[in-house]
Amino acid sequence: MATDSYDLAVREIRDEFGPRVKVERVSGDLGRVTGDGPSIEELAAACNDGRIAFVRHLTAELASFGVSEVPPAHELVELILAELPRHPRALAVQTWTDGASSGGSYYHLLEGPLTDRGIEVSRARQEHVVSCFASKKNVLIGLNRLDLSLSDWPGGRMRLARSDDRVSRSEFKLEEAIQTFGLRLPDGGKALDLGASPGGWTRILRHHGQEVWSVDPGDLDRRVAADRGVHHVSTTAGEFFRRNHTRFDVVVNDMRMDQVLSARVMLDAIPHLHRGALAIVTLKGGGRNPLDAARRGMEVLRKEYDVQVARQLHHNRNELTVVARAR
């Protein structure tokens, strides 16, 4: 979970599973569910269907050590392998710290003895994920199935490469959503980008083969505007909907506005969408009760959309990304 959203995540867990669930704060963005709390399967299910949105990564803790008390690597590997039903051919090892470091020394600590046992080690894309988190005082070791981890990145901290073609930082938000949720955009689809300026999300949609209508009174980056597959409509969303006769397969909305207002704009888009059209919208945080505001926004969306997932991703900051399908 993000540091600024830690308390929101704890509240969501307690709202879903009861006020007596104990959550111990391990670091700025890491919490430990203790006692008779929900199972990791129950937590993952609640996160994957939108009931919990501010948790980004899950693992089942195997052990915790003081930094000076970490046992030899072969003992750590024995601990990990004892929890698996059979000797694996491959494992993902994901390490991170509560600072800027990736915790690479711990990755290599585990990689050597695992490789010696004939196990292929990578950082992602394996059925089981070994998590290693290091703070200034403690080292935690966890193990989980990838399908229950929510993210295939250490602690949910996705790192995307910067491109010379990048128009804006906001591109990372859409890229992360597409990768994290395994979204498949329709071949040769028509996409609507609401609040498109300067064109970052439009560029990503084009990269995924969409013909894009970019709606915003502001200018698009000249490289995006020059693309023949981009139609810049220099107006507001409301005015566009009054005049538009095109039906879309995809609609995205990264506009800076109140969560409920942003959701209502998405309702206005419904008559212009094919049934089952993919919708991706960021609900902005802020205010005294950002969790309640986000829930109100999702209630509005559910009037016309089937919400598939809602989550605060690494590149969201104080926002939620919601993925839905038009009814």
C-alpha atoms as a PDB file:
ATOM      1  CA  MET A   1       0.000   0.000   0.000  1.00  0.00           C
ATOM      2  CA  ALA A   2       1.155   3.573  -0.501  1.00  0.00           C
ATOM      3  CA  THR A   3       2.517   5.330   2.596  1.00  0.00           C
ATOM      4  CA  ASP A   4      -0.100   8.093   2.405  1.00  0.00           C
ATOM      5  CA  SER A   5      -2.883   5.522   2.038  1.00  0.00           C
ATOM      6  CA  TYR A   6      -1.839   3.095   4.767  1.00  0.00           C
ATOM      7  CA  ASP A   7      -4.657   4.110   7.121  1.00  0.00           C
ATOM      8  CA  LEU A   8      -7.197   3.871   4.305  1.00  0.00           C
ATOM      9  CA  ALA A   9      -6.082   0.323   3.525  1.00  0.00           C
ATOM     10  CA  VAL A  10      -6.393  -0.685   7.183  1.00  0.00           C
ATOM     11  CA  ARG A  11      -9.861   0.823   7.321  1.00  0.00           C
ATOM     12  CA  GLU A  12     -10.908  -1.087   4.219  1.00  0.00           C
ATOM     13  CA  ILE A  13      -9.658  -4.373   5.689  1.00  0.00           C
ATOM     14  CA  ARG A  14     -11.552  -3.778   8.926  1.00  0.00           C
ATOM     15  CA  ASP A  15     -14.696  -2.644   7.115  1.00  0.00           C
ATOM     16  CA  GLU A  16     -14.623  -5.873   5.111  1.00  0.00           C
ATOM     17  CA  PHE A  17     -13.518  -8.400   7.739  1.00  0.00           C
ATOM     18  CA  GLY A  18     -14.488  -6.814  11.038  1.00  0.00           C
ATOM     19  CA  PRO A  19     -13.182  -4.082  13.354  1.00  0.00           C
ATOM     20  CA  ARG A  20     -11.160  -6.511  15.445  1.00  0.00           C
ATOM     21  CA  VAL A  21      -8.740  -7.436  12.663  1.00  0.00           C
ATOM     22  CA  LYS A  22      -5.256  -6.543  13.877  1.00  0.00           C
ATOM     23  CA  VAL A  23      -2.889  -4.832  11.439  1.00  0.00           C
ATOM     24  CA  GLU A  24       0.625  -4.029  12.627  1.00  0.00           C
ATOM     25  CA  ARG A  25       2.574  -1.369  10.762  1.00  0.00           C
ATOM     26  CA  VAL A  26       5.969  -2.741   9.730  1.00  0.00           C
ATOM     27  CA  SER A  27       7.171   0.228   7.668  1.00  0.00           C
ATOM     28  CA  GLY A  28       5.781   3.243   5.863  1.00  0.00           C
ATOM     29  CA  ASP A  29       3.939   1.185   3.259  1.00  0.00           C
ATOM     30  CA  LEU A  30       3.955  -2.339   4.720  1.00  0.00           C
ATOM     31  CA  GLY A  31       1.492  -3.796   7.201  1.00  0.00           C
ATOM     32  CA  ARG A  32       1.165  -7.215   8.829  1.00  0.00           C
ATOM     33  CA  VAL A  33      -2.256  -8.784   9.409  1.00  0.00           C
ATOM     34  CA  THR A  34      -1.957 -10.754  12.636  1.00  0.00           C
ATOM     35  CA  GLY A  35      -4.053 -13.020  14.833  1.00  0.00           C
ATOM     36  CA  ASP A  36      -7.324 -14.415  13.532  1.00  0.00           C
ATOM     37  CA  GLY A  37      -7.465 -12.143  10.506  1.00  0.00           C
ATOM     38  CA  PRO A  38      -8.612 -13.085   7.012  1.00  0.00           C
ATOM     39  CA  SER A  39      -6.676 -15.624   4.973  1.00  0.00           C
ATOM     40  CA  ILE A  40      -4.555 -14.448   2.095  1.00  0.00           C
ATOM     41  CA  GLU A  41      -7.103 -16.020  -0.264  1.00  0.00           C
ATOM     42  CA  GLU A  42      -9.884 -13.950   1.305  1.00  0.00           C
ATOM     43  CA  LEU A  43      -7.805 -10.781   1.142  1.00  0.00           C
ATOM     44  CA  ALA A  44      -6.885 -11.369  -2.511  1.00  0.00           C
ATOM     45  CA  ALA A  45     -10.531 -12.003  -3.442  1.00  0.00           C
ATOM     46  CA  ALA A  46     -11.609  -8.756  -1.766  1.00  0.00           C
ATOM     47  CA  CYS A  47      -8.861  -6.831  -3.558  1.00  0.00           C
ATOM     48  CA  ASN A  48      -9.569  -8.376  -6.939  1.00  0.00           C
ATOM     49  CA  ASP A  49     -13.272  -7.555  -6.964  1.00  0.00           C
ATOM     50  CA  GLY A  50     -12.919  -3.972  -5.766  1.00  0.00           C
ATOM     51  CA  ARG A  51     -13.983  -4.283  -2.116  1.00  0.00           C
ATOM     52  CA  ILE A  52     -10.441  -3.348  -1.050  1.00  0.00           C
ATOM     53  CA  ALA A  53      -8.643  -0.845  -3.283  1.00  0.00           C
ATOM     54  CA  PHE A  54      -5.704   0.527  -1.312  1.00  0.00           C
ATOM     55  CA  VAL A  55      -3.710  -2.722  -0.975  1.00  0.00           C
ATOM     56  CA  ARG A  56      -1.196  -3.241  -3.798  1.00  0.00           C
ATOM     57  CA  HIS A  57       0.664  -6.439  -2.917  1.00  0.00           C
ATOM     58  CA  LEU A  58       0.179  -9.531  -0.741  1.00  0.00           C
ATOM     59  CA  THR A  59       2.476 -12.205   0.616  1.00  0.00           C
ATOM     60  CA  ALA A  60       2.244 -14.790   3.395  1.00  0.00           C
ATOM     61  CA  GLU A  61       4.986 -14.162   5.941  1.00  0.00           C
ATOM     62  CA  LEU A  62       7.269 -17.110   6.647  1.00  0.00           C
ATOM     63  CA  ALA A  63       9.747 -15.496   9.023  1.00  0.00           C
ATOM     64  CA  SER A  64      11.117 -12.217  10.349  1.00  0.00           C
ATOM     65  CA  PHE A  65      14.692 -11.588  11.495  1.00  0.00           C
ATOM     66  CA  GLY A  66      16.706  -8.741  12.874  1.00  0.00           C
ATOM     67  CA  VAL A  67      19.123  -7.429  10.252  1.00  0.00           C
ATOM     68  CA  SER A  68      22.058  -8.833  12.205  1.00  0.00           C
ATOM     69  CA  GLU A  69      20.294 -12.167  12.794  1.00  0.00           C
ATOM     70  CA  VAL A  70      19.514 -13.268   9.230  1.00  0.00           C
ATOM     71  CA  PRO A  71      20.483 -16.968   8.998  1.00  0.00           C
ATOM     72  CA  PRO A  72      22.755 -18.367   6.280  1.00  0.00           C
ATOM     73  CA  ALA A  73      21.328 -18.433   2.772  1.00  0.00           C
ATOM     74  CA  HIS A  74      20.961 -22.228   2.663  1.00  0.00           C
ATOM     75  CA  GLU A  75      18.808 -22.119   5.812  1.00  0.00           C
ATOM     76  CA  LEU A  76      16.552 -19.468   4.284  1.00  0.00           C
ATOM     77  CA  VAL A  77      16.156 -21.619   1.195  1.00  0.00           C
ATOM     78  CA  GLU A  78      15.275 -24.659   3.326  1.00  0.00           C
ATOM     79  CA  LEU A  79      12.642 -22.558   5.065  1.00  0.00           C
ATOM     80  CA  ILE A  80      11.126 -21.491   1.750  1.00  0.00           C
ATOM     81  CA  LEU A  81      11.156 -24.898   0.064  1.00  0.00           C
ATOM     82  CA  ALA A  82       9.570 -26.566   3.103  1.00  0.00           C
ATOM     83  CA  GLU A  83       6.429 -24.495   2.457  1.00  0.00           C
ATOM     84  CA  LEU A  84       6.005 -25.655  -1.131  1.00  0.00           C
ATOM     85  CA  PRO A  85       4.026 -28.804  -1.980  1.00  0.00           C
ATOM     86  CA  ARG A  86       6.734 -30.018  -4.379  1.00  0.00           C
ATOM     87  CA  HIS A  87      10.232 -29.112  -5.495  1.00  0.00           C
ATOM     88  CA  PRO A  88       9.729 -26.215  -7.926  1.00  0.00           C
ATOM     89  CA  ARG A  89      11.473 -25.878 -11.252  1.00  0.00           C
ATOM     90  CA  ALA A  90      11.360 -22.074 -10.998  1.00  0.00           C
ATOM     91  CA  LEU A  91      10.697 -19.338  -8.445  1.00  0.00           C
ATOM     92  CA  ALA A  92      10.395 -15.567  -8.620  1.00  0.00           C
ATOM     93  CA  VAL A  93      12.417 -13.713  -5.988  1.00  0.00           C
ATOM     94  CA  GLN A  94      11.310 -10.152  -5.321  1.00  0.00           C
ATOM     95  CA  THR A  95      13.215  -7.888  -2.944  1.00  0.00           C
ATOM     96  CA  TRP A  96      12.665  -4.320  -1.822  1.00  0.00           C
ATOM     97  CA  THR A  97      13.408  -1.962   1.047  1.00  0.00           C
ATOM     98  CA  ASP A  98      11.647   0.893   2.802  1.00  0.00           C
ATOM     99  CA  GLY A  99      13.949   3.289   0.943  1.00  0.00           C
ATOM    100  CA  ALA A 100      14.926   3.773  -2.675  1.00  0.00           C
ATOM    101  CA  SER A 101      17.063   0.604  -2.848  1.00  0.00           C
ATOM    102  CA  SER A 102      15.818  -2.528  -4.612  1.00  0.00           C
ATOM    103  CA  GLY A 103      17.337  -4.789  -1.966  1.00  0.00           C
ATOM    104  CA  GLY A 104      19.466  -6.455  -4.615  1.00  0.00           C
ATOM    105  CA  SER A 105      21.893  -7.952  -2.103  1.00  0.00           C
ATOM    106  CA  TYR A 106      19.099 -10.100  -0.690  1.00  0.00           C
ATOM    107  CA  TYR A 107      18.079 -11.183  -4.181  1.00  0.00           C
ATOM    108  CA  HIS A 108      21.563 -12.518  -4.812  1.00  0.00           C
ATOM    109  CA  LEU A 109      21.681 -14.041  -1.325  1.00  0.00           C
ATOM    110  CA  LEU A 110      18.709 -16.261  -2.239  1.00  0.00           C
ATOM    111  CA  GLU A 111      19.485 -16.700  -5.928  1.00  0.00           C
ATOM    112  CA  GLY A 112      22.742 -18.628  -5.399  1.00  0.00           C
ATOM    113  CA  PRO A 113      21.525 -21.523  -3.217  1.00  0.00           C
ATOM    114  CA  LEU A 114      18.253 -21.807  -5.161  1.00  0.00           C
ATOM    115  CA  THR A 115      20.171 -22.093  -8.426  1.00  0.00           C
ATOM    116  CA  ASP A 116      22.464 -24.678  -6.831  1.00  0.00           C
ATOM    117  CA  ARG A 117      19.369 -26.790  -6.227  1.00  0.00           C
ATOM    118  CA  GLY A 118      18.452 -26.661  -9.910  1.00  0.00           C
ATOM    119  CA  ILE A 119      15.753 -24.021  -9.482  1.00  0.00           C
ATOM    120  CA  GLU A 120      15.475 -21.300 -12.125  1.00  0.00           C
ATOM    121  CA  VAL A 121      15.342 -17.905 -10.420  1.00  0.00           C
ATOM    122  CA  SER A 122      13.835 -14.770 -11.974  1.00  0.00           C
ATOM    123  CA  ARG A 123      12.266 -11.570 -10.697  1.00  0.00           C
ATOM    124  CA  ALA A 124       8.785 -12.197 -12.111  1.00  0.00           C
ATOM    125  CA  ARG A 125       6.450 -14.428 -14.136  1.00  0.00           C
ATOM    126  CA  GLN A 126       6.619 -17.564 -11.964  1.00  0.00           C
ATOM    127  CA  GLU A 127       3.839 -19.496 -10.254  1.00  0.00           C
ATOM    128  CA  HIS A 128       5.267 -18.847  -6.787  1.00  0.00           C
ATOM    129  CA  VAL A 129       6.815 -15.595  -5.529  1.00  0.00           C
ATOM    130  CA  VAL A 130       9.364 -15.288  -2.731  1.00  0.00           C
ATOM    131  CA  SER A 131       9.172 -11.831  -1.155  1.00  0.00           C
ATOM    132  CA  CYS A 132      12.016 -10.322   0.857  1.00  0.00           C
ATOM    133  CA  PHE A 133      11.515  -6.929   2.502  1.00  0.00           C
ATOM    134  CA  ALA A 134      14.373  -5.236   4.334  1.00  0.00           C
ATOM    135  CA  SER A 135      14.044  -2.288   6.695  1.00  0.00           C
ATOM    136  CA  LYS A 136      16.783  -0.740   8.809  1.00  0.00           C
ATOM    137  CA  LYS A 137      15.966  -3.154  11.628  1.00  0.00           C
ATOM    138  CA  ASN A 138      14.268  -6.242  10.184  1.00  0.00           C
ATOM    139  CA  VAL A 139      14.178  -8.598   7.215  1.00  0.00           C
ATOM    140  CA  LEU A 140      10.892 -10.311   6.371  1.00  0.00           C
ATOM    141  CA  ILE A 141      10.589 -13.384   4.154  1.00  0.00           C
ATOM    142  CA  GLY A 142       7.265 -14.268   2.517  1.00  0.00           C
ATOM    143  CA  LEU A 143       5.915 -16.738  -0.019  1.00  0.00           C
ATOM    144  CA  ASN A 144       2.791 -16.565  -2.130  1.00  0.00           C
ATOM    145  CA  ARG A 145       1.242 -17.780  -5.352  1.00  0.00           C
ATOM    146  CA  LEU A 146       1.423 -15.214  -8.119  1.00  0.00           C
ATOM    147  CA  ASP A 147      -2.355 -15.284  -8.629  1.00  0.00           C
ATOM    148  CA  LEU A 148      -2.814 -14.119  -5.017  1.00  0.00           C
ATOM    149  CA  SER A 149      -0.048 -11.494  -5.022  1.00  0.00           C
ATOM    150  CA  LEU A 150      -2.013  -8.724  -6.821  1.00  0.00           C
ATOM    151  CA  SER A 151       1.165  -7.520  -8.547  1.00  0.00           C
ATOM    152  CA  ASP A 152       4.156  -9.268 -10.105  1.00  0.00           C
ATOM    153  CA  TRP A 153       6.461  -6.492  -8.878  1.00  0.00           C
ATOM    154  CA  PRO A 154       8.245  -6.251  -5.507  1.00  0.00           C
ATOM    155  CA  GLY A 155       5.791  -4.771  -3.036  1.00  0.00           C
ATOM    156  CA  GLY A 156       3.600  -3.745  -5.977  1.00  0.00           C
ATOM    157  CA  ARG A 157       6.182  -1.125  -6.960  1.00  0.00           C
ATOM    158  CA  MET A 158       6.075  -1.369 -10.736  1.00  0.00           C
ATOM    159  CA  ARG A 159       8.992   0.237 -12.556  1.00  0.00           C
ATOM    160  CA  LEU A 160       8.407   1.278 -16.156  1.00  0.00           C
ATOM    161  CA  ALA A 161      11.164   2.366 -18.512  1.00  0.00           C
ATOM    162  CA  ARG A 162      11.134   5.962 -19.656  1.00  0.00           C
ATOM    163  CA  SER A 163      10.805   6.469 -23.376  1.00  0.00           C
ATOM    164  CA  ASP A 164      11.981   9.340 -25.537  1.00  0.00           C
ATOM    165  CA  ASP A 165       8.480   9.358 -27.012  1.00  0.00           C
ATOM    166  CA  ARG A 166       6.837   9.869 -23.624  1.00  0.00           C
ATOM    167  CA  VAL A 167       4.462  12.828 -23.554  1.00  0.00           C
ATOM    168  CA  SER A 168       3.623  12.960 -19.839  1.00  0.00           C
ATOM    169  CA  ARG A 169       4.184  11.103 -16.589  1.00  0.00           C
ATOM    170  CA  SER A 170       0.505  10.085 -16.602  1.00  0.00           C
ATOM    171  CA  GLU A 171       1.293   7.540 -19.319  1.00  0.00           C
ATOM    172  CA  PHE A 172       2.744   5.287 -16.634  1.00  0.00           C
ATOM    173  CA  LYS A 173      -0.663   5.047 -14.934  1.00  0.00           C
ATOM    174  CA  LEU A 174      -2.360   3.627 -18.014  1.00  0.00           C
ATOM    175  CA  GLU A 175       0.578   1.379 -18.891  1.00  0.00           C
ATOM    176  CA  GLU A 176       0.619  -0.025 -15.361  1.00  0.00           C
ATOM    177  CA  ALA A 177      -3.129  -0.694 -15.409  1.00  0.00           C
ATOM    178  CA  ILE A 178      -2.918  -2.533 -18.744  1.00  0.00           C
ATOM    179  CA  GLN A 179      -0.028  -4.695 -17.536  1.00  0.00           C
ATOM    180  CA  THR A 180      -1.203  -5.314 -13.966  1.00  0.00           C
ATOM    181  CA  PHE A 181      -4.733  -6.316 -14.922  1.00  0.00           C
ATOM    182  CA  GLY A 182      -3.795  -8.089 -18.144  1.00  0.00           C
ATOM    183  CA  LEU A 183      -6.100  -5.920 -20.231  1.00  0.00           C
ATOM    184  CA  ARG A 184      -6.536  -6.742 -23.900  1.00  0.00           C
ATOM    185  CA  LEU A 185      -7.653  -3.844 -26.061  1.00  0.00           C
ATOM    186  CA  PRO A 186      -9.693  -4.774 -29.152  1.00  0.00           C
ATOM    187  CA  ASP A 187      -7.811  -5.064 -32.432  1.00  0.00           C
ATOM    188  CA  GLY A 188      -8.456  -1.940 -34.494  1.00  0.00           C
ATOM    189  CA  GLY A 189     -10.798  -0.556 -31.837  1.00  0.00           C
ATOM    190  CA  LYS A 190     -12.146   2.957 -31.494  1.00  0.00           C
ATOM    191  CA  ALA A 191     -11.135   4.624 -28.231  1.00  0.00           C
ATOM    192  CA  LEU A 192     -12.327   7.781 -26.498  1.00  0.00           C
ATOM    193  CA  ASP A 193      -9.841   9.693 -24.326  1.00  0.00           C
ATOM    194  CA  LEU A 194     -11.624  12.203 -22.088  1.00  0.00           C
ATOM    195  CA  GLY A 195      -9.464  15.044 -20.803  1.00  0.00           C
ATOM    196  CA  ALA A 196      -6.718  13.987 -23.184  1.00  0.00           C
ATOM    197  CA  SER A 197      -4.276  16.949 -23.097  1.00  0.00           C
ATOM    198  CA  PRO A 198      -1.335  16.747 -23.551  1.00  0.00           C
ATOM    199  CA  GLY A 199      -1.948  13.301 -25.053  1.00  0.00           C
ATOM    200  CA  GLY A 200      -0.105  10.764 -22.907  1.00  0.00           C
ATOM    201  CA  TRP A 201      -2.998   8.331 -22.607  1.00  0.00           C
ATOM    202  CA  THR A 202      -3.830   8.852 -26.271  1.00  0.00           C
ATOM    203  CA  ARG A 203      -0.281   7.810 -27.161  1.00  0.00           C
ATOM    204  CA  ILE A 204      -0.580   4.614 -25.113  1.00  0.00           C
ATOM    205  CA  LEU A 205      -3.935   3.798 -26.713  1.00  0.00           C
ATOM    206  CA  ARG A 206      -2.397   4.247 -30.146  1.00  0.00           C
ATOM    207  CA  HIS A 207       0.460   1.960 -29.114  1.00  0.00           C
ATOM    208  CA  HIS A 208      -2.205  -0.675 -28.422  1.00  0.00           C
ATOM    209  CA  GLY A 209      -3.728  -0.307 -31.888  1.00  0.00           C
ATOM    210  CA  GLN A 210      -6.652   1.993 -31.160  1.00  0.00           C
ATOM    211  CA  GLU A 211      -7.999   4.806 -33.319  1.00  0.00           C
ATOM    212  CA  VAL A 212      -8.423   7.574 -30.744  1.00  0.00           C
ATOM    213  CA  TRP A 213     -10.785  10.508 -30.328  1.00  0.00           C
ATOM    214  CA  SER A 214      -8.946  12.839 -27.920  1.00  0.00           C
ATOM    215  CA  VAL A 215     -11.346  15.240 -26.235  1.00  0.00           C
ATOM    216  CA  ASP A 216      -9.891  18.286 -24.504  1.00  0.00           C
ATOM    217  CA  PRO A 217      -9.977  22.068 -25.069  1.00  0.00           C
ATOM    218  CA  GLY A 218      -6.222  22.072 -24.414  1.00  0.00           C
ATOM    219  CA  ASP A 219      -3.545  21.292 -26.973  1.00  0.00           C
ATOM    220  CA  LEU A 220      -2.056  17.885 -27.664  1.00  0.00           C
ATOM    221  CA  ASP A 221       1.658  17.322 -27.912  1.00  0.00           C
ATOM    222  CA  ARG A 222       2.590  17.979 -31.541  1.00  0.00           C
ATOM    223  CA  ARG A 223       3.857  14.408 -31.989  1.00  0.00           C
ATOM    224  CA  VAL A 224       0.495  13.019 -30.885  1.00  0.00           C
ATOM    225  CA  ALA A 225      -1.509  15.574 -32.863  1.00  0.00           C
ATOM    226  CA  ALA A 226       0.407  14.647 -36.038  1.00  0.00           C
ATOM    227  CA  ASP A 227      -0.695  11.008 -35.793  1.00  0.00           C
ATOM    228  CA  ARG A 228      -3.374  10.291 -38.427  1.00  0.00           C
ATOM    229  CA  GLY A 229      -4.996   7.811 -36.051  1.00  0.00           C
ATOM    230  CA  VAL A 230      -5.722  10.596 -33.554  1.00  0.00           C
ATOM    231  CA  HIS A 231      -8.754  12.881 -33.830  1.00  0.00           C
ATOM    232  CA  HIS A 232      -8.353  15.873 -31.524  1.00  0.00           C
ATOM    233  CA  VAL A 233     -11.740  17.319 -30.616  1.00  0.00           C
ATOM    234  CA  SER A 234     -11.004  20.639 -28.939  1.00  0.00           C
ATOM    235  CA  THR A 235     -14.008  20.885 -26.659  1.00  0.00           C
ATOM    236  CA  THR A 236     -15.411  19.724 -23.339  1.00  0.00           C
ATOM    237  CA  ALA A 237     -16.701  16.219 -22.717  1.00  0.00           C
ATOM    238  CA  GLY A 238     -20.284  17.467 -22.395  1.00  0.00           C
ATOM    239  CA  GLU A 239     -20.184  19.319 -25.715  1.00  0.00           C
ATOM    240  CA  PHE A 240     -18.563  16.333 -27.410  1.00  0.00           C
ATOM    241  CA  PHE A 241     -21.324  13.992 -26.230  1.00  0.00           C
ATOM    242  CA  ARG A 242     -24.011  16.358 -27.546  1.00  0.00           C
ATOM    243  CA  ARG A 243     -22.511  16.244 -31.064  1.00  0.00           C
ATOM    244  CA  ASN A 244     -20.894  12.814 -31.335  1.00  0.00           C
ATOM    245  CA  HIS A 245     -22.348   9.956 -33.415  1.00  0.00           C
ATOM    246  CA  THR A 246     -19.451   7.495 -33.135  1.00  0.00           C
ATOM    247  CA  ARG A 247     -19.631   4.347 -30.974  1.00  0.00           C
ATOM    248  CA  PHE A 248     -16.525   3.409 -29.025  1.00  0.00           C
ATOM    249  CA  ASP A 249     -14.946   0.154 -27.849  1.00  0.00           C
ATOM    250  CA  VAL A 250     -12.806   1.791 -25.159  1.00  0.00           C
ATOM    251  CA  VAL A 251     -13.202   4.885 -22.991  1.00  0.00           C
ATOM    252  CA  VAL A 252     -10.566   6.306 -20.639  1.00  0.00           C
ATOM    253  CA  ASN A 253     -10.800   9.226 -18.245  1.00  0.00           C
ATOM    254  CA  ASP A 254      -7.899  10.758 -16.308  1.00  0.00           C
ATOM    255  CA  MET A 255      -9.528  14.149 -15.753  1.00  0.00           C
ATOM    256  CA  ARG A 256      -8.718  16.146 -12.630  1.00  0.00           C
ATOM    257  CA  MET A 257     -12.077  16.431 -10.910  1.00  0.00           C
ATOM    258  CA  ASP A 258     -14.076  15.220  -7.947  1.00  0.00           C
ATOM    259  CA  GLN A 259     -14.585  11.432  -7.842  1.00  0.00           C
ATOM    260  CA  VAL A 260     -18.365  11.626  -8.207  1.00  0.00           C
ATOM    261  CA  LEU A 261     -18.230  14.196 -11.004  1.00  0.00           C
ATOM    262  CA  SER A 262     -15.685  12.072 -12.876  1.00  0.00           C
ATOM    263  CA  ALA A 263     -17.933   9.034 -12.504  1.00  0.00           C
ATOM    264  CA  ARG A 264     -20.921  10.997 -13.805  1.00  0.00           C
ATOM    265  CA  VAL A 265     -18.937  11.950 -16.902  1.00  0.00           C
ATOM    266  CA  MET A 266     -18.460   8.217 -17.447  1.00  0.00           C
ATOM    267  CA  LEU A 267     -22.238   7.737 -17.240  1.00  0.00           C
ATOM    268  CA  ASP A 268     -22.652  10.406 -19.926  1.00  0.00           C
ATOM    269  CA  ALA A 269     -20.371   8.297 -22.127  1.00  0.00           C
ATOM    270  CA  ILE A 270     -22.608   5.200 -21.964  1.00  0.00           C
ATOM    271  CA  PRO A 271     -24.859   6.053 -24.979  1.00  0.00           C
ATOM    272  CA  HIS A 272     -21.691   6.362 -27.077  1.00  0.00           C
ATOM    273  CA  LEU A 273     -20.213   2.966 -26.129  1.00  0.00           C
ATOM    274  CA  HIS A 274     -20.690  -0.515 -27.471  1.00  0.00           C
ATOM    275  CA  ARG A 275     -22.033  -2.977 -24.944  1.00  0.00           C
ATOM    276  CA  GLY A 276     -19.102  -4.487 -23.056  1.00  0.00           C
ATOM    277  CA  ALA A 277     -16.806  -1.574 -23.927  1.00  0.00           C
ATOM    278  CA  LEU A 278     -13.716  -1.344 -21.740  1.00  0.00           C
ATOM    279  CA  ALA A 279     -13.615   1.633 -19.369  1.00  0.00           C
ATOM    280  CA  ILE A 280     -10.572   2.828 -17.414  1.00  0.00           C
ATOM    281  CA  VAL A 281     -10.971   5.802 -15.078  1.00  0.00           C
ATOM    282  CA  THR A 282      -8.858   7.311 -12.315  1.00  0.00           C
ATOM    283  CA  LEU A 283     -10.764   8.566  -9.291  1.00  0.00           C
ATOM    284  CA  LYS A 284      -8.739  11.334  -7.699  1.00  0.00           C
ATOM    285  CA  GLY A 285      -8.036  11.373  -3.968  1.00  0.00           C
ATOM    286  CA  GLY A 286      -7.911  14.291  -1.613  1.00  0.00           C
ATOM    287  CA  GLY A 287     -10.423  15.789   0.780  1.00  0.00           C
ATOM    288  CA  ARG A 288     -11.121  14.771   4.354  1.00  0.00           C
ATOM    289  CA  ASN A 289     -12.560  11.367   3.514  1.00  0.00           C
ATOM    290  CA  PRO A 290     -10.951  10.113   0.268  1.00  0.00           C
ATOM    291  CA  LEU A 291     -12.061   6.522   0.864  1.00  0.00           C
ATOM    292  CA  ASP A 292     -15.728   7.493   1.243  1.00  0.00           C
ATOM    293  CA  ALA A 293     -15.483   9.781  -1.787  1.00  0.00           C
ATOM    294  CA  ALA A 294     -13.963   6.974  -3.866  1.00  0.00           C
ATOM    295  CA  ARG A 295     -16.733   4.620  -2.772  1.00  0.00           C
ATOM    296  CA  ARG A 296     -19.367   7.154  -3.794  1.00  0.00           C
ATOM    297  CA  GLY A 297     -17.706   7.474  -7.175  1.00  0.00           C
ATOM    298  CA  MET A 298     -17.743   3.707  -7.637  1.00  0.00           C
ATOM    299  CA  GLU A 299     -21.413   3.566  -6.638  1.00  0.00           C
ATOM    300  CA  VAL A 300     -22.155   6.012  -9.450  1.00  0.00           C
ATOM    301  CA  LEU A 301     -20.132   3.955 -11.933  1.00  0.00           C
ATOM    302  CA  ARG A 302     -21.961   0.764 -10.978  1.00  0.00           C
ATOM    303  CA  LYS A 303     -25.242   2.261 -12.219  1.00  0.00           C
ATOM    304  CA  GLU A 304     -24.118   1.633 -15.817  1.00  0.00           C
ATOM    305  CA  TYR A 305     -20.864  -0.369 -15.595  1.00  0.00           C
ATOM    306  CA  ASP A 306     -19.770  -3.705 -14.211  1.00  0.00           C
ATOM    307  CA  VAL A 307     -16.733  -2.762 -12.112  1.00  0.00           C
ATOM    308  CA  GLN A 308     -14.061  -5.438 -12.520  1.00  0.00           C
ATOM    309  CA  VAL A 309     -11.327  -4.077 -10.274  1.00  0.00           C
ATOM    310  CA  ALA A 310     -10.374  -0.917  -8.405  1.00  0.00           C
ATOM    311  CA  ARG A 311      -6.893  -0.435  -7.026  1.00  0.00           C
ATOM    312  CA  GLN A 312      -4.373   2.199  -6.081  1.00  0.00           C
ATOM    313  CA  LEU A 313      -1.439   1.365  -8.320  1.00  0.00           C
ATOM    314  CA  HIS A 314       2.180   2.374  -7.857  1.00  0.00           C
ATOM    315  CA  HIS A 315       1.955   5.294 -10.306  1.00  0.00           C
ATOM    316  CA  ASN A 316      -1.411   6.516  -8.980  1.00  0.00           C
ATOM    317  CA  ARG A 317      -0.197   8.548  -6.019  1.00  0.00           C
ATOM    318  CA  ASN A 318      -3.506   9.524  -4.352  1.00  0.00           C
ATOM    319  CA  GLU A 319      -5.760   8.065  -7.035  1.00  0.00           C
ATOM    320  CA  LEU A 320      -7.587   4.828  -7.713  1.00  0.00           C
ATOM    321  CA  THR A 321      -7.659   3.159 -11.095  1.00  0.00           C
ATOM    322  CA  VAL A 322     -11.009   1.563 -11.854  1.00  0.00           C
ATOM    323  CA  VAL A 323     -11.489  -0.936 -14.691  1.00  0.00           C
ATOM    324  CA  ALA A 324     -15.059  -1.633 -15.769  1.00  0.00           C
ATOM    325  CA  ARG A 325     -17.228  -2.838 -18.640  1.00  0.00           C
ATOM    326  CA  ALA A 326     -20.204  -0.958 -20.056  1.00  0.00           C
ATOM    327  CA  ARG A 327     -23.521  -2.777 -19.752  1.00  0.00           C
END
